[in-house]
Amino acid sequence: MGGAGVFGKELRKILNPINGPRFIEIFRSGQYQPPSAIMKISILDDYHDTLRTLKAFDKLAGHEVRIWNDHVQDVDALAKRLKGAEALVLIRERTQIRAPLLERLPGLRLISQRSVYPHIDVEACTRLGIIVSSNQNFGMPSYATAELTWA
């Protein structure tokens, strides 16, 4: 039933009971942008501006990457900053990613977070069809650096 290539993926998205209504709403509003080979990625809170120096950063070559070095929490400012983003990479846990922001980012498909994610509204992400990817395994404790230092 899926078809092939990009069209097949979009058809499955329309037929998906979770994403389907949202996709149709976005399509009708004129906000729909078909997927391309170039992904729009936003990376928040790299306040030491070190990401570009990492070897792994080269893997993003060919994609449109915006790195933000300052911290912004205002929903309007974040929505403007992240407009058009398809993937959001969070380095720290201080930016609150909640439903009021997520609902203003119709193209967002993926949020990547290195560890715990109490600052991400996972329920809203699920409802909106946004994948939350984390390296934090279920049941794995997360201890703050200060707690380890005290120990």
N, C-alpha and C. Protein backbone atom coordinates (compact mmCIF):
# COMPACT_ATOMS: atom_id res chain seq x y z
N MET A 1 0.81 -1.19 0.00
CA MET A 1 0.00 0.00 0.00
C MET A 1 0.85 1.25 0.00
N GLY A 2 2.13 1.20 0.31
CA GLY A 2 2.91 2.41 0.54
C GLY A 2 3.41 3.12 -0.68
N GLY A 3 3.61 2.46 -1.81
CA GLY A 3 4.23 3.14 -2.93
C GLY A 3 5.73 3.14 -2.74
N ALA A 4 6.42 3.93 -3.53
CA ALA A 4 7.88 3.93 -3.45
C ALA A 4 8.40 5.34 -3.21
N GLY A 5 9.59 5.40 -2.64
CA GLY A 5 10.29 6.67 -2.46
C GLY A 5 9.54 7.66 -1.58
N VAL A 6 9.78 8.93 -1.87
CA VAL A 6 9.21 10.01 -1.07
C VAL A 6 7.69 9.97 -1.10
N PHE A 7 7.11 9.71 -2.27
CA PHE A 7 5.65 9.68 -2.36
C PHE A 7 5.07 8.62 -1.44
N GLY A 8 5.70 7.43 -1.42
CA GLY A 8 5.23 6.35 -0.56
C GLY A 8 5.29 6.72 0.91
N LYS A 9 6.38 7.39 1.31
CA LYS A 9 6.51 7.82 2.71
C LYS A 9 5.41 8.82 3.05
N GLU A 10 5.14 9.74 2.15
CA GLU A 10 4.11 10.75 2.42
C GLU A 10 2.72 10.11 2.43
N LEU A 11 2.49 9.14 1.57
CA LEU A 11 1.21 8.45 1.55
C LEU A 11 1.00 7.70 2.86
N ARG A 12 2.05 7.02 3.35
CA ARG A 12 1.93 6.33 4.63
C ARG A 12 1.65 7.32 5.75
N LYS A 13 2.24 8.50 5.66
CA LYS A 13 2.04 9.52 6.68
C LYS A 13 0.56 9.97 6.69
N ILE A 14 -0.01 10.13 5.50
CA ILE A 14 -1.41 10.53 5.40
C ILE A 14 -2.32 9.45 5.98
N LEU A 15 -1.99 8.21 5.70
CA LEU A 15 -2.83 7.11 6.14
C LEU A 15 -2.60 6.72 7.60
N ASN A 16 -1.52 7.18 8.21
CA ASN A 16 -1.22 6.89 9.61
C ASN A 16 -2.26 7.57 10.49
N PRO A 17 -2.95 6.83 11.37
CA PRO A 17 -4.01 7.43 12.18
C PRO A 17 -3.52 8.49 13.15
N ILE A 18 -2.25 8.44 13.56
CA ILE A 18 -1.74 9.45 14.48
C ILE A 18 -1.33 10.71 13.72
N ASN A 19 -0.53 10.55 12.68
CA ASN A 19 0.00 11.69 11.95
C ASN A 19 -0.94 12.19 10.86
N GLY A 20 -1.82 11.33 10.38
CA GLY A 20 -2.67 11.67 9.25
C GLY A 20 -3.43 12.97 9.38
N PRO A 21 -4.23 13.16 10.45
CA PRO A 21 -4.99 14.41 10.57
C PRO A 21 -4.10 15.64 10.62
N ARG A 22 -2.97 15.55 11.32
CA ARG A 22 -2.06 16.70 11.40
C ARG A 22 -1.45 16.97 10.02
N PHE A 23 -1.07 15.91 9.30
CA PHE A 23 -0.48 16.07 7.98
C PHE A 23 -1.48 16.75 7.04
N ILE A 24 -2.71 16.29 7.05
CA ILE A 24 -3.74 16.87 6.18
C ILE A 24 -3.95 18.34 6.52
N GLU A 25 -3.98 18.67 7.82
CA GLU A 25 -4.14 20.07 8.25
C GLU A 25 -2.98 20.93 7.74
N ILE A 26 -1.74 20.43 7.86
CA ILE A 26 -0.57 21.17 7.40
C ILE A 26 -0.61 21.31 5.88
N PHE A 27 -0.99 20.25 5.17
CA PHE A 27 -1.05 20.28 3.72
C PHE A 27 -2.07 21.32 3.25
N ARG A 28 -3.24 21.31 3.85
CA ARG A 28 -4.29 22.26 3.46
C ARG A 28 -3.92 23.71 3.78
N SER A 29 -3.15 23.92 4.84
CA SER A 29 -2.79 25.28 5.23
C SER A 29 -1.73 25.90 4.32
N GLY A 30 -1.12 25.08 3.47
CA GLY A 30 -0.07 25.57 2.59
C GLY A 30 1.30 25.56 3.25
N GLN A 31 1.41 25.04 4.47
CA GLN A 31 2.69 24.99 5.18
C GLN A 31 3.50 23.75 4.82
N TYR A 32 2.91 22.81 4.11
CA TYR A 32 3.59 21.56 3.81
C TYR A 32 4.79 21.78 2.90
N GLN A 33 5.91 21.22 3.30
CA GLN A 33 7.11 21.21 2.48
C GLN A 33 7.52 19.75 2.30
N PRO A 34 7.56 19.24 1.07
CA PRO A 34 7.95 17.84 0.88
C PRO A 34 9.38 17.63 1.36
N PRO A 35 9.68 16.42 1.84
CA PRO A 35 11.04 16.16 2.31
C PRO A 35 12.06 16.28 1.19
N SER A 36 13.24 16.70 1.57
CA SER A 36 14.31 16.80 0.58
C SER A 36 15.52 16.06 1.10
N ALA A 37 16.53 15.96 0.27
CA ALA A 37 17.75 15.29 0.69
C ALA A 37 18.52 16.13 1.70
N ILE A 38 18.23 17.42 1.73
CA ILE A 38 18.90 18.32 2.66
C ILE A 38 17.99 18.52 3.87
N MET A 39 18.47 18.11 5.03
CA MET A 39 17.69 18.24 6.26
C MET A 39 18.03 19.56 6.95
N LYS A 40 17.01 20.20 7.49
CA LYS A 40 17.20 21.43 8.26
C LYS A 40 17.31 21.06 9.73
N ILE A 41 18.51 21.28 10.28
CA ILE A 41 18.82 20.86 11.65
C ILE A 41 19.16 22.08 12.48
N SER A 42 18.55 22.18 13.66
CA SER A 42 18.89 23.24 14.61
C SER A 42 19.49 22.60 15.85
N ILE A 43 20.57 23.18 16.33
CA ILE A 43 21.25 22.70 17.52
C ILE A 43 21.24 23.83 18.54
N LEU A 44 20.68 23.55 19.72
CA LEU A 44 20.54 24.58 20.74
C LEU A 44 21.62 24.49 21.81
N ASP A 45 21.92 25.65 22.38
CA ASP A 45 22.74 25.78 23.60
C ASP A 45 24.19 25.32 23.48
N ASP A 46 24.81 25.53 22.35
CA ASP A 46 26.24 25.24 22.22
C ASP A 46 27.00 26.51 22.62
N TYR A 47 26.90 26.88 23.90
CA TYR A 47 27.41 28.18 24.32
C TYR A 47 28.92 28.29 24.31
N HIS A 48 29.64 27.19 24.19
CA HIS A 48 31.09 27.28 24.04
C HIS A 48 31.50 27.22 22.57
N ASP A 49 30.53 27.08 21.68
CA ASP A 49 30.76 27.04 20.23
C ASP A 49 31.83 26.00 19.87
N THR A 50 31.64 24.79 20.36
CA THR A 50 32.63 23.73 20.14
C THR A 50 32.18 22.66 19.15
N LEU A 51 30.89 22.61 18.83
CA LEU A 51 30.41 21.52 17.96
C LEU A 51 31.11 21.47 16.62
N ARG A 52 31.37 22.62 16.04
CA ARG A 52 32.00 22.65 14.73
C ARG A 52 33.41 22.05 14.74
N THR A 53 34.02 21.94 15.93
CA THR A 53 35.38 21.42 16.03
C THR A 53 35.42 19.89 16.16
N LEU A 54 34.28 19.26 16.34
CA LEU A 54 34.23 17.81 16.51
C LEU A 54 34.32 17.09 15.17
N LYS A 55 35.02 15.96 15.14
CA LYS A 55 35.12 15.16 13.90
C LYS A 55 33.73 14.76 13.39
N ALA A 56 32.85 14.39 14.32
CA ALA A 56 31.52 13.93 13.95
C ALA A 56 30.70 15.01 13.25
N PHE A 57 31.05 16.27 13.45
CA PHE A 57 30.30 17.36 12.83
C PHE A 57 30.36 17.27 11.30
N ASP A 58 31.42 16.71 10.77
CA ASP A 58 31.55 16.55 9.31
C ASP A 58 30.44 15.68 8.73
N LYS A 59 29.83 14.84 9.54
CA LYS A 59 28.75 13.98 9.06
C LYS A 59 27.51 14.79 8.67
N LEU A 60 27.45 16.03 9.12
CA LEU A 60 26.31 16.89 8.78
C LEU A 60 26.55 17.69 7.50
N ALA A 61 27.69 17.50 6.87
CA ALA A 61 27.98 18.21 5.63
C ALA A 61 26.88 17.95 4.61
N GLY A 62 26.47 18.98 3.94
CA GLY A 62 25.40 18.85 2.95
C GLY A 62 24.02 19.14 3.51
N HIS A 63 23.92 19.28 4.82
CA HIS A 63 22.64 19.63 5.44
C HIS A 63 22.67 21.08 5.89
N GLU A 64 21.51 21.65 6.08
CA GLU A 64 21.40 23.03 6.55
C GLU A 64 21.39 22.99 8.08
N VAL A 65 22.50 23.38 8.70
CA VAL A 65 22.66 23.30 10.14
C VAL A 65 22.77 24.70 10.74
N ARG A 66 21.93 24.96 11.74
CA ARG A 66 22.00 26.22 12.50
C ARG A 66 22.36 25.87 13.93
N ILE A 67 23.44 26.48 14.41
CA ILE A 67 23.88 26.27 15.79
C ILE A 67 23.64 27.56 16.54
N TRP A 68 22.98 27.43 17.68
CA TRP A 68 22.67 28.59 18.52
C TRP A 68 23.55 28.54 19.76
N ASN A 69 24.28 29.61 19.99
CA ASN A 69 25.23 29.65 21.10
C ASN A 69 24.66 30.29 22.36
N ASP A 70 23.54 30.95 22.24
CA ASP A 70 22.93 31.58 23.41
C ASP A 70 21.71 30.77 23.84
N HIS A 71 21.21 31.06 25.01
CA HIS A 71 20.04 30.35 25.53
C HIS A 71 18.81 31.25 25.42
N VAL A 72 17.75 30.71 24.84
CA VAL A 72 16.48 31.41 24.72
C VAL A 72 15.39 30.47 25.23
N GLN A 73 14.49 30.96 26.07
CA GLN A 73 13.41 30.12 26.57
C GLN A 73 12.04 30.62 26.13
N ASP A 74 11.95 31.87 25.73
CA ASP A 74 10.68 32.44 25.31
C ASP A 74 10.12 31.65 24.12
N VAL A 75 8.87 31.20 24.24
CA VAL A 75 8.26 30.35 23.21
C VAL A 75 8.20 31.06 21.86
N ASP A 76 7.82 32.33 21.84
CA ASP A 76 7.74 33.06 20.57
C ASP A 76 9.12 33.15 19.90
N ALA A 77 10.13 33.46 20.70
CA ALA A 77 11.49 33.57 20.16
C ALA A 77 11.99 32.22 19.66
N LEU A 78 11.72 31.15 20.43
CA LEU A 78 12.13 29.81 20.00
C LEU A 78 11.41 29.38 18.73
N ALA A 79 10.11 29.65 18.66
CA ALA A 79 9.34 29.27 17.47
C ALA A 79 9.89 29.97 16.23
N LYS A 80 10.25 31.23 16.39
CA LYS A 80 10.83 31.97 15.27
C LYS A 80 12.20 31.41 14.90
N ARG A 81 13.00 31.13 15.92
CA ARG A 81 14.34 30.60 15.72
C ARG A 81 14.32 29.22 15.06
N LEU A 82 13.38 28.39 15.44
CA LEU A 82 13.33 27.00 14.97
C LEU A 82 12.40 26.79 13.78
N LYS A 83 11.84 27.86 13.26
CA LYS A 83 10.93 27.75 12.12
C LYS A 83 11.60 26.99 10.98
N GLY A 84 10.92 25.99 10.49
CA GLY A 84 11.42 25.20 9.38
C GLY A 84 12.31 24.04 9.77
N ALA A 85 12.69 23.94 11.05
CA ALA A 85 13.58 22.86 11.48
C ALA A 85 12.88 21.51 11.35
N GLU A 86 13.61 20.52 10.84
CA GLU A 86 13.10 19.16 10.75
C GLU A 86 13.66 18.30 11.87
N ALA A 87 14.86 18.66 12.33
CA ALA A 87 15.50 17.94 13.43
C ALA A 87 16.02 18.95 14.43
N LEU A 88 15.88 18.62 15.69
CA LEU A 88 16.33 19.49 16.77
C LEU A 88 17.29 18.69 17.64
N VAL A 89 18.50 19.20 17.80
CA VAL A 89 19.50 18.54 18.63
C VAL A 89 19.68 19.37 19.89
N LEU A 90 19.47 18.72 21.04
CA LEU A 90 19.58 19.40 22.32
C LEU A 90 20.84 18.93 23.02
N ILE A 91 21.68 19.85 23.38
CA ILE A 91 22.93 19.51 24.05
C ILE A 91 22.72 19.48 25.56
N ARG A 92 21.92 20.38 26.04
CA ARG A 92 21.68 20.48 27.48
C ARG A 92 20.19 20.32 27.76
N GLU A 93 19.85 20.21 29.01
CA GLU A 93 18.47 19.96 29.41
C GLU A 93 17.74 21.22 29.85
N ARG A 94 18.25 22.37 29.53
CA ARG A 94 17.65 23.58 30.09
C ARG A 94 16.58 24.24 29.22
N THR A 95 16.52 23.94 27.95
CA THR A 95 15.49 24.52 27.10
C THR A 95 14.25 23.64 27.18
N GLN A 96 13.15 24.23 27.64
CA GLN A 96 11.90 23.49 27.77
C GLN A 96 11.26 23.32 26.39
N ILE A 97 11.04 22.08 26.00
CA ILE A 97 10.42 21.76 24.72
C ILE A 97 9.04 21.19 25.04
N ARG A 98 8.05 22.07 25.06
CA ARG A 98 6.69 21.72 25.48
C ARG A 98 5.70 21.91 24.32
N ALA A 99 4.49 21.45 24.54
CA ALA A 99 3.44 21.48 23.50
C ALA A 99 3.25 22.85 22.85
N PRO A 100 3.20 23.96 23.61
CA PRO A 100 2.99 25.25 22.94
C PRO A 100 4.06 25.58 21.88
N LEU A 101 5.29 25.12 22.11
CA LEU A 101 6.35 25.31 21.12
C LEU A 101 6.22 24.28 20.00
N LEU A 102 6.08 23.02 20.36
CA LEU A 102 6.02 21.94 19.39
C LEU A 102 4.90 22.15 18.37
N GLU A 103 3.78 22.64 18.83
CA GLU A 103 2.63 22.84 17.94
C GLU A 103 2.89 23.94 16.91
N ARG A 104 3.89 24.75 17.13
CA ARG A 104 4.24 25.82 16.20
C ARG A 104 5.37 25.42 15.25
N LEU A 105 5.78 24.16 15.33
CA LEU A 105 6.87 23.66 14.47
C LEU A 105 6.37 22.48 13.63
N PRO A 106 5.56 22.75 12.61
CA PRO A 106 4.93 21.67 11.86
C PRO A 106 5.90 20.76 11.10
N GLY A 107 7.09 21.22 10.80
CA GLY A 107 8.04 20.41 10.06
C GLY A 107 8.95 19.55 10.93
N LEU A 108 8.88 19.75 12.24
CA LEU A 108 9.77 19.03 13.14
C LEU A 108 9.41 17.55 13.15
N ARG A 109 10.43 16.70 12.92
CA ARG A 109 10.20 15.25 12.86
C ARG A 109 11.04 14.48 13.88
N LEU A 110 12.11 15.12 14.40
CA LEU A 110 13.03 14.41 15.28
C LEU A 110 13.63 15.36 16.31
N ILE A 111 13.69 14.90 17.57
CA ILE A 111 14.42 15.59 18.62
C ILE A 111 15.45 14.60 19.15
N SER A 112 16.71 15.01 19.14
CA SER A 112 17.79 14.17 19.64
C SER A 112 18.35 14.79 20.91
N GLN A 113 18.42 13.99 21.95
CA GLN A 113 18.93 14.43 23.25
C GLN A 113 19.89 13.37 23.74
N ARG A 114 21.01 13.76 24.25
CA ARG A 114 22.05 12.82 24.67
C ARG A 114 21.64 11.97 25.87
N SER A 115 20.94 12.53 26.81
CA SER A 115 20.67 11.77 28.03
C SER A 115 19.20 11.91 28.44
N VAL A 116 18.97 12.22 29.69
CA VAL A 116 17.60 12.29 30.20
C VAL A 116 16.84 13.44 29.53
N TYR A 117 15.54 13.36 29.56
CA TYR A 117 14.74 14.36 28.84
C TYR A 117 13.50 14.80 29.63
N PRO A 118 13.67 15.24 30.87
CA PRO A 118 12.50 15.73 31.61
C PRO A 118 11.99 17.07 31.07
N HIS A 119 12.77 17.74 30.26
CA HIS A 119 12.42 19.04 29.70
C HIS A 119 11.66 18.91 28.37
N ILE A 120 11.47 17.69 27.89
CA ILE A 120 10.76 17.46 26.62
C ILE A 120 9.39 16.87 26.92
N ASP A 121 8.36 17.44 26.33
CA ASP A 121 7.00 16.93 26.47
C ASP A 121 6.84 15.75 25.51
N VAL A 122 7.18 14.57 26.00
CA VAL A 122 7.16 13.36 25.16
C VAL A 122 5.74 13.05 24.70
N GLU A 123 4.75 13.28 25.55
CA GLU A 123 3.36 13.02 25.17
C GLU A 123 2.96 13.89 23.97
N ALA A 124 3.33 15.17 24.00
CA ALA A 124 3.02 16.06 22.87
C ALA A 124 3.79 15.62 21.63
N CYS A 125 5.04 15.19 21.80
CA CYS A 125 5.81 14.70 20.65
C CYS A 125 5.13 13.49 20.03
N THR A 126 4.68 12.59 20.87
CA THR A 126 3.99 11.39 20.37
C THR A 126 2.74 11.78 19.61
N ARG A 127 1.96 12.68 20.19
CA ARG A 127 0.72 13.13 19.55
C ARG A 127 0.99 13.80 18.20
N LEU A 128 2.12 14.52 18.10
CA LEU A 128 2.44 15.25 16.88
C LEU A 128 3.30 14.46 15.90
N GLY A 129 3.64 13.23 16.27
CA GLY A 129 4.43 12.39 15.37
C GLY A 129 5.90 12.74 15.33
N ILE A 130 6.42 13.32 16.41
CA ILE A 130 7.83 13.70 16.49
C ILE A 130 8.58 12.62 17.27
N ILE A 131 9.63 12.10 16.70
CA ILE A 131 10.43 11.07 17.36
C ILE A 131 11.38 11.73 18.35
N VAL A 132 11.44 11.19 19.57
CA VAL A 132 12.41 11.64 20.56
C VAL A 132 13.45 10.54 20.67
N SER A 133 14.69 10.89 20.37
CA SER A 133 15.79 9.93 20.39
C SER A 133 16.74 10.30 21.51
N SER A 134 17.05 9.33 22.37
CA SER A 134 17.95 9.58 23.50
C SER A 134 18.85 8.37 23.71
N ASN A 135 20.02 8.62 24.23
CA ASN A 135 20.94 7.55 24.56
C ASN A 135 20.73 7.07 25.99
N GLN A 136 19.74 7.62 26.66
CA GLN A 136 19.44 7.22 28.04
C GLN A 136 18.59 5.96 28.00
N ASN A 137 19.12 4.87 28.49
CA ASN A 137 18.40 3.61 28.49
C ASN A 137 17.37 3.57 29.61
N PHE A 138 16.26 2.90 29.37
CA PHE A 138 15.21 2.77 30.36
C PHE A 138 15.77 2.14 31.64
N GLY A 139 15.46 2.74 32.76
CA GLY A 139 15.90 2.22 34.04
C GLY A 139 17.33 2.55 34.39
N MET A 140 18.04 3.21 33.49
CA MET A 140 19.42 3.59 33.75
C MET A 140 19.44 4.85 34.60
N PRO A 141 20.12 4.83 35.74
CA PRO A 141 20.13 6.03 36.58
C PRO A 141 20.90 7.16 35.92
N SER A 142 20.50 8.37 36.21
CA SER A 142 21.18 9.56 35.71
C SER A 142 21.59 10.38 36.92
N TYR A 143 22.89 10.44 37.16
CA TYR A 143 23.39 11.17 38.31
C TYR A 143 24.07 12.46 37.86
N ALA A 144 23.77 13.51 38.54
CA ALA A 144 24.39 14.80 38.22
C ALA A 144 25.87 14.76 38.59
N THR A 145 26.67 15.56 37.90
CA THR A 145 28.09 15.63 38.17
C THR A 145 28.37 15.99 39.62
N ALA A 146 27.59 16.89 40.18
CA ALA A 146 27.79 17.29 41.56
C ALA A 146 27.60 16.10 42.51
N GLU A 147 26.61 15.27 42.25
CA GLU A 147 26.38 14.10 43.10
C GLU A 147 27.56 13.14 43.01
N LEU A 148 28.12 12.97 41.83
CA LEU A 148 29.27 12.08 41.68
C LEU A 148 30.49 12.67 42.41
N THR A 149 30.64 13.99 42.36
CA THR A 149 31.73 14.65 43.04
C THR A 149 31.61 14.45 44.55
N TRP A 150 30.40 14.62 45.09
CA TRP A 150 30.20 14.43 46.52
C TRP A 150 30.52 12.99 46.92
N ALA A 151 30.17 12.05 46.08
CA ALA A 151 30.39 10.64 46.40
C ALA A 151 31.87 10.36 46.53
